[in-house]
Amino acid sequence: PISIALPLEIASGGTFCIRCTVFASNHAVSNRSSKSTHYDSDFRVYRAIVDTGSPYLVFPSSELEIDASNALLSLLVAMSILKDNRNYLWEISDYAPTEEVYGAVKGEINWKRSHYRFRDPRLAISKDAVNSIPSTKNLKQSTGIVGVLDKALTNEATGGGESEPFALLGLIGENNPNADRNRFPAPRPTFFHQACITSENDEEGNEFRVQSFSVDGPNRLLTLSTGSLISDAVPSMQLVDLRIYGDFVDHYAVVVDEVTFDGVLVTAQSLKKFTGTAERPIVAVFDTGLTGGLLIRDFWDVMQRKMTEIN
């Protein structure tokens, strides 16, 4: 197996991020001959929060980035003295905008084509994968489908808000093609669907799919591998696929046997009488885009009924 390790940096709220460079489209380069002057060069380095709770590579609102970067530059752009090059980082794709929910905020994501790279060039955009995407097929330069968040989602999802907007690197590999479209928008190509690992010594340019990853906080490393990273000697937990219950993506989740709140031991069996339904398993989702534990409202309401009976 081939493994690569990318350095992690501390991001907003104690999350981790990696560096991702986005290169301007050919259209942006050709505009150098115009009367407008780019105040940014032909690429932009983003800090992308490593997020195991989402499936896409998404970037902050370009409008918000200008607001946050420099008031004088914003004025010069508004007066057409300078041109904002950030919008030229994105090209039109065949995917229409979608309404998405991040946290408690609803907003819009525009889906664009973009050429991006990471610190280790062996982590690349898969030519085989993008050739299956209509708007990226047969392009000379490999481009992947990425999302550009609106201002509301940028403030909610990227941690830094207007002062320091981050990108998000979603590490969920699979969508649910059978999800309820009245509740969830049609899926877009995930980051892992478009990613591959290549070998430095492979002259044939073979591409290998990412099969596993690990987020090592103490050593500040994100490792991606074409094989399994789990050793038989290391304790592990079996993941469960929540898509059979209607989840719109394949979250990294495990069944929780028991959990204790304020000294009260809770199991799925002990909550059965408070739900009014058949026994429902308790599950936990691993989400590196968060730095704390969250309870969904339904679970909290059941817990409140149990605690009220005890007290």
C-alpha atoms as a PDB file:
ATOM      1  CA  PRO A   1       0.000   0.000   0.000  1.00  0.00           C
ATOM      2  CA  ILE A   2       1.006   3.614  -0.612  1.00  0.00           C
ATOM      3  CA  SER A   3       0.578   6.014   2.302  1.00  0.00           C
ATOM      4  CA  ILE A   4       1.089   9.756   2.413  1.00  0.00           C
ATOM      5  CA  ALA A   5       1.110  12.033   5.457  1.00  0.00           C
ATOM      6  CA  LEU A   6       0.036  15.679   5.395  1.00  0.00           C
ATOM      7  CA  PRO A   7       0.908  18.028   8.271  1.00  0.00           C
ATOM      8  CA  LEU A   8      -2.000  19.234  10.362  1.00  0.00           C
ATOM      9  CA  GLU A   9      -2.240  22.738  11.751  1.00  0.00           C
ATOM     10  CA  ILE A  10      -4.490  24.068  14.509  1.00  0.00           C
ATOM     11  CA  ALA A  11      -7.538  25.766  13.032  1.00  0.00           C
ATOM     12  CA  SER A  12     -10.572  27.546  14.425  1.00  0.00           C
ATOM     13  CA  GLY A  13     -11.866  26.275  17.763  1.00  0.00           C
ATOM     14  CA  GLY A  14      -9.170  23.642  18.131  1.00  0.00           C
ATOM     15  CA  THR A  15      -9.969  21.771  14.916  1.00  0.00           C
ATOM     16  CA  PHE A  16      -7.223  20.731  12.488  1.00  0.00           C
ATOM     17  CA  CYS A  17      -6.564  21.894   8.956  1.00  0.00           C
ATOM     18  CA  ILE A  18      -4.247  21.225   6.017  1.00  0.00           C
ATOM     19  CA  ARG A  19      -3.023  23.512   3.249  1.00  0.00           C
ATOM     20  CA  CYS A  20      -4.814  23.340  -0.125  1.00  0.00           C
ATOM     21  CA  THR A  21      -3.728  25.407  -3.132  1.00  0.00           C
ATOM     22  CA  VAL A  22      -6.305  26.402  -5.736  1.00  0.00           C
ATOM     23  CA  PHE A  23      -5.044  27.491  -9.138  1.00  0.00           C
ATOM     24  CA  ALA A  24      -6.791  30.049 -11.320  1.00  0.00           C
ATOM     25  CA  SER A  25      -8.481  28.944 -14.504  1.00  0.00           C
ATOM     26  CA  ASN A  26      -7.064  29.696 -17.953  1.00  0.00           C
ATOM     27  CA  HIS A  27      -9.621  32.472 -18.172  1.00  0.00           C
ATOM     28  CA  ALA A  28      -7.984  34.237 -15.254  1.00  0.00           C
ATOM     29  CA  VAL A  29      -4.546  33.990 -16.849  1.00  0.00           C
ATOM     30  CA  SER A  30      -5.743  35.422 -20.143  1.00  0.00           C
ATOM     31  CA  ASN A  31      -7.175  38.445 -18.367  1.00  0.00           C
ATOM     32  CA  ARG A  32      -3.652  39.669 -17.621  1.00  0.00           C
ATOM     33  CA  SER A  33      -3.702  41.461 -20.959  1.00  0.00           C
ATOM     34  CA  SER A  34      -6.749  43.480 -19.985  1.00  0.00           C
ATOM     35  CA  LYS A  35      -6.677  46.900 -18.375  1.00  0.00           C
ATOM     36  CA  SER A  36      -7.640  45.401 -15.029  1.00  0.00           C
ATOM     37  CA  THR A  37      -4.867  44.303 -12.698  1.00  0.00           C
ATOM     38  CA  HIS A  38      -5.125  41.240 -10.474  1.00  0.00           C
ATOM     39  CA  TYR A  39      -4.259  42.039  -6.881  1.00  0.00           C
ATOM     40  CA  ASP A  40      -3.899  38.314  -6.204  1.00  0.00           C
ATOM     41  CA  SER A  41      -1.613  35.956  -8.136  1.00  0.00           C
ATOM     42  CA  ASP A  42      -2.804  32.972 -10.170  1.00  0.00           C
ATOM     43  CA  PHE A  43      -3.287  30.772  -7.142  1.00  0.00           C
ATOM     44  CA  ARG A  44      -4.630  30.938  -3.619  1.00  0.00           C
ATOM     45  CA  VAL A  45      -3.562  28.881  -0.600  1.00  0.00           C
ATOM     46  CA  TYR A  46      -6.420  27.916   1.683  1.00  0.00           C
ATOM     47  CA  ARG A  47      -6.406  26.321   5.099  1.00  0.00           C
ATOM     48  CA  ALA A  48      -8.951  23.515   4.878  1.00  0.00           C
ATOM     49  CA  ILE A  49     -10.456  22.130   8.090  1.00  0.00           C
ATOM     50  CA  VAL A  50     -10.329  18.331   8.119  1.00  0.00           C
ATOM     51  CA  ASP A  51     -13.985  17.372   8.494  1.00  0.00           C
ATOM     52  CA  THR A  52     -15.082  13.746   8.907  1.00  0.00           C
ATOM     53  CA  GLY A  53     -18.699  14.937   9.158  1.00  0.00           C
ATOM     54  CA  SER A  54     -19.131  16.090   5.545  1.00  0.00           C
ATOM     55  CA  PRO A  55     -18.379  14.674   2.083  1.00  0.00           C
ATOM     56  CA  TYR A  56     -17.262  17.632  -0.026  1.00  0.00           C
ATOM     57  CA  LEU A  57     -14.334  19.973  -0.534  1.00  0.00           C
ATOM     58  CA  VAL A  58     -15.902  23.404  -0.097  1.00  0.00           C
ATOM     59  CA  PHE A  59     -14.480  26.908  -0.002  1.00  0.00           C
ATOM     60  CA  PRO A  60     -15.591  30.156   1.671  1.00  0.00           C
ATOM     61  CA  SER A  61     -17.605  32.836  -0.063  1.00  0.00           C
ATOM     62  CA  SER A  62     -15.456  34.970  -2.355  1.00  0.00           C
ATOM     63  CA  GLU A  63     -17.492  38.007  -1.370  1.00  0.00           C
ATOM     64  CA  LEU A  64     -16.685  37.444   2.297  1.00  0.00           C
ATOM     65  CA  GLU A  65     -12.992  36.904   1.582  1.00  0.00           C
ATOM     66  CA  ILE A  66     -12.717  40.352   0.040  1.00  0.00           C
ATOM     67  CA  ASP A  67     -14.529  41.872   3.006  1.00  0.00           C
ATOM     68  CA  ALA A  68     -12.100  40.203   5.387  1.00  0.00           C
ATOM     69  CA  SER A  69      -8.856  40.758   3.506  1.00  0.00           C
ATOM     70  CA  ASN A  70      -8.425  44.494   3.328  1.00  0.00           C
ATOM     71  CA  ALA A  71     -10.794  47.438   3.336  1.00  0.00           C
ATOM     72  CA  LEU A  72      -8.680  49.401   0.845  1.00  0.00           C
ATOM     73  CA  LEU A  73      -8.534  46.489  -1.576  1.00  0.00           C
ATOM     74  CA  SER A  74     -12.295  46.113  -1.278  1.00  0.00           C
ATOM     75  CA  LEU A  75     -12.722  49.764  -2.236  1.00  0.00           C
ATOM     76  CA  LEU A  76     -10.359  49.472  -5.186  1.00  0.00           C
ATOM     77  CA  VAL A  77     -12.202  46.405  -6.440  1.00  0.00           C
ATOM     78  CA  ALA A  78     -15.525  48.211  -6.102  1.00  0.00           C
ATOM     79  CA  MET A  79     -14.100  51.094  -8.177  1.00  0.00           C
ATOM     80  CA  SER A  80     -12.894  48.609 -10.859  1.00  0.00           C
ATOM     81  CA  ILE A  81      -9.314  49.761 -10.353  1.00  0.00           C
ATOM     82  CA  LEU A  82      -8.380  46.249  -9.275  1.00  0.00           C
ATOM     83  CA  LYS A  83     -10.011  42.978 -10.200  1.00  0.00           C
ATOM     84  CA  ASP A  84     -10.866  40.267  -7.700  1.00  0.00           C
ATOM     85  CA  ASN A  85      -8.995  37.216  -8.931  1.00  0.00           C
ATOM     86  CA  ARG A  86     -10.593  34.859  -6.425  1.00  0.00           C
ATOM     87  CA  ASN A  87     -13.707  34.372  -8.552  1.00  0.00           C
ATOM     88  CA  TYR A  88     -11.434  33.261 -11.382  1.00  0.00           C
ATOM     89  CA  LEU A  89     -10.364  30.308  -9.264  1.00  0.00           C
ATOM     90  CA  TRP A  90     -13.695  28.695 -10.110  1.00  0.00           C
ATOM     91  CA  GLU A  91     -15.138  27.595 -13.436  1.00  0.00           C
ATOM     92  CA  ILE A  92     -18.726  26.786 -14.293  1.00  0.00           C
ATOM     93  CA  SER A  93     -19.843  23.188 -13.798  1.00  0.00           C
ATOM     94  CA  ASP A  94     -22.929  21.287 -14.904  1.00  0.00           C
ATOM     95  CA  TYR A  95     -24.164  21.083 -11.309  1.00  0.00           C
ATOM     96  CA  ALA A  96     -26.822  23.553 -10.214  1.00  0.00           C
ATOM     97  CA  PRO A  97     -26.586  25.257  -6.812  1.00  0.00           C
ATOM     98  CA  THR A  98     -28.059  23.359  -3.869  1.00  0.00           C
ATOM     99  CA  GLU A  99     -29.574  24.412  -0.574  1.00  0.00           C
ATOM    100  CA  GLU A 100     -27.585  22.859   2.269  1.00  0.00           C
ATOM    101  CA  VAL A 101     -27.642  22.934   6.055  1.00  0.00           C
ATOM    102  CA  TYR A 102     -24.450  23.301   8.095  1.00  0.00           C
ATOM    103  CA  GLY A 103     -25.033  23.318  11.828  1.00  0.00           C
ATOM    104  CA  ALA A 104     -28.227  25.275  12.357  1.00  0.00           C
ATOM    105  CA  VAL A 105     -27.852  27.494   9.277  1.00  0.00           C
ATOM    106  CA  LYS A 106     -29.381  26.968   5.850  1.00  0.00           C
ATOM    107  CA  GLY A 107     -27.691  28.440   2.794  1.00  0.00           C
ATOM    108  CA  GLU A 108     -26.618  27.891  -0.783  1.00  0.00           C
ATOM    109  CA  ILE A 109     -23.604  26.135  -2.257  1.00  0.00           C
ATOM    110  CA  ASN A 110     -22.522  26.884  -5.805  1.00  0.00           C
ATOM    111  CA  TRP A 111     -20.800  23.919  -7.454  1.00  0.00           C
ATOM    112  CA  LYS A 112     -17.754  24.808  -9.522  1.00  0.00           C
ATOM    113  CA  ARG A 113     -14.846  23.189 -11.298  1.00  0.00           C
ATOM    114  CA  SER A 114     -11.424  23.875  -9.853  1.00  0.00           C
ATOM    115  CA  HIS A 115      -7.832  22.702 -10.085  1.00  0.00           C
ATOM    116  CA  TYR A 116      -6.436  22.157  -6.599  1.00  0.00           C
ATOM    117  CA  ARG A 117      -3.387  20.520  -5.073  1.00  0.00           C
ATOM    118  CA  PHE A 118      -2.038  19.556  -1.680  1.00  0.00           C
ATOM    119  CA  ARG A 119       1.420  19.635  -0.135  1.00  0.00           C
ATOM    120  CA  ASP A 120       2.116  16.080  -1.274  1.00  0.00           C
ATOM    121  CA  PRO A 121       1.581  15.986  -5.072  1.00  0.00           C
ATOM    122  CA  ARG A 122       0.852  12.256  -4.906  1.00  0.00           C
ATOM    123  CA  LEU A 123      -2.599  13.161  -3.551  1.00  0.00           C
ATOM    124  CA  ALA A 124      -4.172  14.205  -6.819  1.00  0.00           C
ATOM    125  CA  ILE A 125      -7.408  14.660  -8.717  1.00  0.00           C
ATOM    126  CA  SER A 126      -8.218  11.331 -10.364  1.00  0.00           C
ATOM    127  CA  LYS A 127      -8.413  11.589 -14.136  1.00  0.00           C
ATOM    128  CA  ASP A 128     -10.500   8.417 -14.254  1.00  0.00           C
ATOM    129  CA  ALA A 129     -13.032   9.861 -11.821  1.00  0.00           C
ATOM    130  CA  VAL A 130     -13.350  13.309 -13.384  1.00  0.00           C
ATOM    131  CA  ASN A 131     -13.785  11.823 -16.855  1.00  0.00           C
ATOM    132  CA  SER A 132     -17.076  10.429 -15.560  1.00  0.00           C
ATOM    133  CA  ILE A 133     -18.221  13.977 -14.685  1.00  0.00           C
ATOM    134  CA  PRO A 134     -19.715  15.743 -17.751  1.00  0.00           C
ATOM    135  CA  SER A 135     -18.268  19.222 -17.198  1.00  0.00           C
ATOM    136  CA  THR A 136     -14.760  17.937 -16.444  1.00  0.00           C
ATOM    137  CA  LYS A 137     -14.466  15.322 -19.179  1.00  0.00           C
ATOM    138  CA  ASN A 138     -11.581  15.571 -21.666  1.00  0.00           C
ATOM    139  CA  LEU A 139     -10.065  18.682 -20.107  1.00  0.00           C
ATOM    140  CA  LYS A 140      -6.318  19.155 -20.506  1.00  0.00           C
ATOM    141  CA  GLN A 141      -5.975  20.090 -16.845  1.00  0.00           C
ATOM    142  CA  SER A 142      -7.569  17.866 -14.198  1.00  0.00           C
ATOM    143  CA  THR A 143     -10.283  19.753 -12.367  1.00  0.00           C
ATOM    144  CA  GLY A 144     -12.558  18.530  -9.620  1.00  0.00           C
ATOM    145  CA  ILE A 145     -16.013  19.551  -8.470  1.00  0.00           C
ATOM    146  CA  VAL A 146     -15.908  21.774  -5.390  1.00  0.00           C
ATOM    147  CA  GLY A 147     -18.464  23.836  -3.527  1.00  0.00           C
ATOM    148  CA  VAL A 148     -18.355  27.579  -2.892  1.00  0.00           C
ATOM    149  CA  LEU A 149     -20.352  28.508   0.197  1.00  0.00           C
ATOM    150  CA  ASP A 150     -22.522  31.574   0.424  1.00  0.00           C
ATOM    151  CA  LYS A 151     -21.856  34.128   3.134  1.00  0.00           C
ATOM    152  CA  ALA A 152     -24.251  32.579   5.672  1.00  0.00           C
ATOM    153  CA  LEU A 153     -22.732  29.098   5.383  1.00  0.00           C
ATOM    154  CA  THR A 154     -19.216  30.524   5.415  1.00  0.00           C
ATOM    155  CA  ASN A 155     -19.892  32.197   8.757  1.00  0.00           C
ATOM    156  CA  GLU A 156     -21.460  29.041  10.196  1.00  0.00           C
ATOM    157  CA  ALA A 157     -19.347  26.227   8.801  1.00  0.00           C
ATOM    158  CA  THR A 158     -15.796  27.456   8.378  1.00  0.00           C
ATOM    159  CA  GLY A 159     -15.049  28.457  11.932  1.00  0.00           C
ATOM    160  CA  GLY A 160     -13.193  31.693  11.387  1.00  0.00           C
ATOM    161  CA  GLY A 161     -16.150  33.776  10.284  1.00  0.00           C
ATOM    162  CA  GLU A 162     -15.366  37.023   8.512  1.00  0.00           C
ATOM    163  CA  SER A 163     -11.996  37.443  10.199  1.00  0.00           C
ATOM    164  CA  GLU A 164     -10.486  34.204   8.879  1.00  0.00           C
ATOM    165  CA  PRO A 165     -12.653  32.042   6.618  1.00  0.00           C
ATOM    166  CA  PHE A 166     -11.455  28.456   6.185  1.00  0.00           C
ATOM    167  CA  ALA A 167     -12.222  25.848   3.569  1.00  0.00           C
ATOM    168  CA  LEU A 168     -13.606  22.432   4.575  1.00  0.00           C
ATOM    169  CA  LEU A 169     -12.089  19.130   3.467  1.00  0.00           C
ATOM    170  CA  GLY A 170     -14.922  16.622   3.803  1.00  0.00           C
ATOM    171  CA  LEU A 171     -13.696  13.064   4.319  1.00  0.00           C
ATOM    172  CA  ILE A 172     -16.976  11.142   4.024  1.00  0.00           C
ATOM    173  CA  GLY A 173     -16.554   8.936   0.992  1.00  0.00           C
ATOM    174  CA  GLU A 174     -20.062   7.932  -0.029  1.00  0.00           C
ATOM    175  CA  ASN A 175     -23.456   9.563  -0.493  1.00  0.00           C
ATOM    176  CA  ASN A 176     -26.848   7.893  -0.290  1.00  0.00           C
ATOM    177  CA  PRO A 177     -28.340   7.781  -3.797  1.00  0.00           C
ATOM    178  CA  ASN A 178     -31.668   6.663  -2.290  1.00  0.00           C
ATOM    179  CA  ALA A 179     -32.005   9.472   0.249  1.00  0.00           C
ATOM    180  CA  ASP A 180     -35.294  11.359   0.473  1.00  0.00           C
ATOM    181  CA  ARG A 181     -34.921  14.197  -2.036  1.00  0.00           C
ATOM    182  CA  ASN A 182     -37.655  16.139  -0.248  1.00  0.00           C
ATOM    183  CA  ARG A 183     -35.254  16.405   2.699  1.00  0.00           C
ATOM    184  CA  PHE A 184     -31.817  16.268   1.103  1.00  0.00           C
ATOM    185  CA  PRO A 185     -30.465  17.758  -2.153  1.00  0.00           C
ATOM    186  CA  ALA A 186     -29.172  15.575  -4.959  1.00  0.00           C
ATOM    187  CA  PRO A 187     -25.607  14.450  -4.175  1.00  0.00           C
ATOM    188  CA  ARG A 188     -22.506  15.882  -5.794  1.00  0.00           C
ATOM    189  CA  PRO A 189     -19.167  14.096  -6.347  1.00  0.00           C
ATOM    190  CA  THR A 190     -17.439  13.693  -2.984  1.00  0.00           C
ATOM    191  CA  PHE A 191     -13.826  14.652  -2.430  1.00  0.00           C
ATOM    192  CA  PHE A 192     -12.789  11.012  -2.049  1.00  0.00           C
ATOM    193  CA  HIS A 193     -14.707  10.044  -5.201  1.00  0.00           C
ATOM    194  CA  GLN A 194     -12.448  12.412  -7.131  1.00  0.00           C
ATOM    195  CA  ALA A 195      -9.197  11.795  -5.231  1.00  0.00           C
ATOM    196  CA  CYS A 196      -6.432   9.316  -5.918  1.00  0.00           C
ATOM    197  CA  ILE A 197      -2.919   8.499  -4.769  1.00  0.00           C
ATOM    198  CA  THR A 198      -0.186   8.109  -7.339  1.00  0.00           C
ATOM    199  CA  SER A 199       3.284   6.635  -7.107  1.00  0.00           C
ATOM    200  CA  GLU A 200       6.371   8.759  -7.739  1.00  0.00           C
ATOM    201  CA  ASN A 201       8.118   5.944  -9.632  1.00  0.00           C
ATOM    202  CA  ASP A 202       5.139   4.855 -11.730  1.00  0.00           C
ATOM    203  CA  GLU A 203       5.786   6.021 -15.305  1.00  0.00           C
ATOM    204  CA  GLU A 204       2.421   4.669 -16.457  1.00  0.00           C
ATOM    205  CA  GLY A 205       0.565   7.125 -14.251  1.00  0.00           C
ATOM    206  CA  ASN A 206      -1.546   4.532 -12.451  1.00  0.00           C
ATOM    207  CA  GLU A 207      -4.054   5.878  -9.958  1.00  0.00           C
ATOM    208  CA  PHE A 208      -5.001   4.197  -6.699  1.00  0.00           C
ATOM    209  CA  ARG A 209      -8.102   4.956  -4.689  1.00  0.00           C
ATOM    210  CA  VAL A 210      -7.807   6.157  -1.100  1.00  0.00           C
ATOM    211  CA  GLN A 211      -9.020   3.251   1.038  1.00  0.00           C
ATOM    212  CA  SER A 212      -8.401   4.570   4.537  1.00  0.00           C
ATOM    213  CA  PHE A 213      -7.224   7.586   6.503  1.00  0.00           C
ATOM    214  CA  SER A 214      -6.250   8.535  10.031  1.00  0.00           C
ATOM    215  CA  VAL A 215      -6.298  11.846  11.893  1.00  0.00           C
ATOM    216  CA  ASP A 216      -3.422  11.864  14.388  1.00  0.00           C
ATOM    217  CA  GLY A 217      -3.945  14.899  16.586  1.00  0.00           C
ATOM    218  CA  PRO A 218      -0.964  14.495  18.939  1.00  0.00           C
ATOM    219  CA  ASN A 219       1.480  14.105  16.055  1.00  0.00           C
ATOM    220  CA  ARG A 220      -0.395  16.558  13.805  1.00  0.00           C
ATOM    221  CA  LEU A 221      -0.655  14.250  10.791  1.00  0.00           C
ATOM    222  CA  LEU A 222      -3.406  13.354   8.340  1.00  0.00           C
ATOM    223  CA  THR A 223      -2.454  10.023   6.765  1.00  0.00           C
ATOM    224  CA  LEU A 224      -4.156   8.641   3.671  1.00  0.00           C
ATOM    225  CA  SER A 225      -3.468   5.181   2.324  1.00  0.00           C
ATOM    226  CA  THR A 226      -4.360   2.843  -0.518  1.00  0.00           C
ATOM    227  CA  GLY A 227      -4.633   0.042   2.069  1.00  0.00           C
ATOM    228  CA  SER A 228      -5.899  -0.412   5.596  1.00  0.00           C
ATOM    229  CA  LEU A 229      -4.272   1.616   8.377  1.00  0.00           C
ATOM    230  CA  ILE A 230      -5.794  -0.510  11.132  1.00  0.00           C
ATOM    231  CA  SER A 231      -3.427  -2.925  12.817  1.00  0.00           C
ATOM    232  CA  ASP A 232      -4.723  -6.172  14.285  1.00  0.00           C
ATOM    233  CA  ALA A 233      -2.893  -5.269  17.490  1.00  0.00           C
ATOM    234  CA  VAL A 234      -4.841  -2.021  17.934  1.00  0.00           C
ATOM    235  CA  PRO A 235      -8.360  -2.034  19.436  1.00  0.00           C
ATOM    236  CA  SER A 236     -10.985  -1.018  16.901  1.00  0.00           C
ATOM    237  CA  MET A 237     -14.750  -0.571  16.620  1.00  0.00           C
ATOM    238  CA  GLN A 238     -17.111  -1.746  13.910  1.00  0.00           C
ATOM    239  CA  LEU A 239     -18.678   1.097  11.947  1.00  0.00           C
ATOM    240  CA  VAL A 240     -22.388   1.077  11.156  1.00  0.00           C
ATOM    241  CA  ASP A 241     -23.996   2.383   7.972  1.00  0.00           C
ATOM    242  CA  LEU A 242     -26.753   4.832   8.909  1.00  0.00           C
ATOM    243  CA  ARG A 243     -27.935   5.138   5.315  1.00  0.00           C
ATOM    244  CA  ILE A 244     -30.279   2.194   5.851  1.00  0.00           C
ATOM    245  CA  TYR A 245     -32.132   4.476   8.293  1.00  0.00           C
ATOM    246  CA  GLY A 246     -32.315   7.299   5.757  1.00  0.00           C
ATOM    247  CA  ASP A 247     -29.037   9.156   6.402  1.00  0.00           C
ATOM    248  CA  PHE A 248     -27.991  11.113   3.320  1.00  0.00           C
ATOM    249  CA  VAL A 249     -24.276  10.213   3.572  1.00  0.00           C
ATOM    250  CA  ASP A 250     -22.229   7.356   5.011  1.00  0.00           C
ATOM    251  CA  HIS A 251     -21.282   8.964   8.323  1.00  0.00           C
ATOM    252  CA  TYR A 252     -18.535   7.357  10.397  1.00  0.00           C
ATOM    253  CA  ALA A 253     -20.701   6.004  13.207  1.00  0.00           C
ATOM    254  CA  VAL A 254     -20.590   3.332  15.896  1.00  0.00           C
ATOM    255  CA  VAL A 255     -23.210   1.776  18.172  1.00  0.00           C
ATOM    256  CA  VAL A 256     -22.990   2.997  21.775  1.00  0.00           C
ATOM    257  CA  ASP A 257     -23.612   0.238  24.327  1.00  0.00           C
ATOM    258  CA  GLU A 258     -24.029   2.619  27.242  1.00  0.00           C
ATOM    259  CA  VAL A 259     -23.421   6.225  28.196  1.00  0.00           C
ATOM    260  CA  THR A 260     -23.550   7.998  31.564  1.00  0.00           C
ATOM    261  CA  PHE A 261     -25.065  11.446  32.161  1.00  0.00           C
ATOM    262  CA  ASP A 262     -24.736  12.990  35.644  1.00  0.00           C
ATOM    263  CA  GLY A 263     -24.095   9.567  37.115  1.00  0.00           C
ATOM    264  CA  VAL A 264     -27.096   7.958  35.384  1.00  0.00           C
ATOM    265  CA  LEU A 265     -26.290   4.974  33.170  1.00  0.00           C
ATOM    266  CA  VAL A 266     -28.234   5.011  29.902  1.00  0.00           C
ATOM    267  CA  THR A 267     -28.701   2.170  27.397  1.00  0.00           C
ATOM    268  CA  ALA A 268     -30.977   1.711  24.421  1.00  0.00           C
ATOM    269  CA  GLN A 269     -33.006  -0.774  26.470  1.00  0.00           C
ATOM    270  CA  SER A 270     -33.428   1.629  29.389  1.00  0.00           C
ATOM    271  CA  LEU A 271     -34.763   4.348  27.062  1.00  0.00           C
ATOM    272  CA  LYS A 272     -37.283   2.114  25.324  1.00  0.00           C
ATOM    273  CA  LYS A 273     -40.156   2.970  27.696  1.00  0.00           C
ATOM    274  CA  PHE A 274     -39.654   6.695  27.063  1.00  0.00           C
ATOM    275  CA  THR A 275     -39.632   6.572  23.273  1.00  0.00           C
ATOM    276  CA  GLY A 276     -42.991   4.896  22.792  1.00  0.00           C
ATOM    277  CA  THR A 277     -41.494   2.827  19.976  1.00  0.00           C
ATOM    278  CA  ALA A 278     -39.378  -0.268  19.514  1.00  0.00           C
ATOM    279  CA  GLU A 279     -35.891  -0.192  20.982  1.00  0.00           C
ATOM    280  CA  ARG A 280     -33.695   2.174  19.004  1.00  0.00           C
ATOM    281  CA  PRO A 281     -29.903   1.834  19.143  1.00  0.00           C
ATOM    282  CA  ILE A 282     -27.809   4.740  20.389  1.00  0.00           C
ATOM    283  CA  VAL A 283     -25.177   5.733  17.835  1.00  0.00           C
ATOM    284  CA  ALA A 284     -22.295   8.199  17.883  1.00  0.00           C
ATOM    285  CA  VAL A 285     -20.935   9.975  14.806  1.00  0.00           C
ATOM    286  CA  PHE A 286     -17.254  10.941  14.618  1.00  0.00           C
ATOM    287  CA  ASP A 287     -16.971  14.505  13.345  1.00  0.00           C
ATOM    288  CA  THR A 288     -13.571  16.229  13.382  1.00  0.00           C
ATOM    289  CA  GLY A 289     -15.225  19.454  12.272  1.00  0.00           C
ATOM    290  CA  LEU A 290     -16.461  19.792  15.858  1.00  0.00           C
ATOM    291  CA  THR A 291     -14.524  19.988  19.100  1.00  0.00           C
ATOM    292  CA  GLY A 292     -17.220  18.876  21.532  1.00  0.00           C
ATOM    293  CA  GLY A 293     -20.091  16.436  21.928  1.00  0.00           C
ATOM    294  CA  LEU A 294     -23.554  17.234  20.599  1.00  0.00           C
ATOM    295  CA  LEU A 295     -26.869  15.503  21.243  1.00  0.00           C
ATOM    296  CA  ILE A 296     -29.690  15.552  18.720  1.00  0.00           C
ATOM    297  CA  ARG A 297     -32.928  17.050  20.003  1.00  0.00           C
ATOM    298  CA  ASP A 298     -34.928  13.794  19.976  1.00  0.00           C
ATOM    299  CA  PHE A 299     -32.317  12.032  22.109  1.00  0.00           C
ATOM    300  CA  TRP A 300     -32.139  14.945  24.536  1.00  0.00           C
ATOM    301  CA  ASP A 301     -35.923  15.009  24.940  1.00  0.00           C
ATOM    302  CA  VAL A 302     -35.960  11.305  25.773  1.00  0.00           C
ATOM    303  CA  MET A 303     -33.131  11.825  28.263  1.00  0.00           C
ATOM    304  CA  GLN A 304     -35.084  14.638  29.935  1.00  0.00           C
ATOM    305  CA  ARG A 305     -38.083  12.335  30.418  1.00  0.00           C
ATOM    306  CA  LYS A 306     -35.857   9.678  31.952  1.00  0.00           C
ATOM    307  CA  MET A 307     -34.144  12.150  34.287  1.00  0.00           C
ATOM    308  CA  THR A 308     -37.512  13.577  35.359  1.00  0.00           C
ATOM    309  CA  GLU A 309     -38.723  10.096  36.362  1.00  0.00           C
ATOM    310  CA  ILE A 310     -35.556   9.438  38.378  1.00  0.00           C
ATOM    311  CA  ASN A 311     -35.761  12.741  40.214  1.00  0.00           C
END
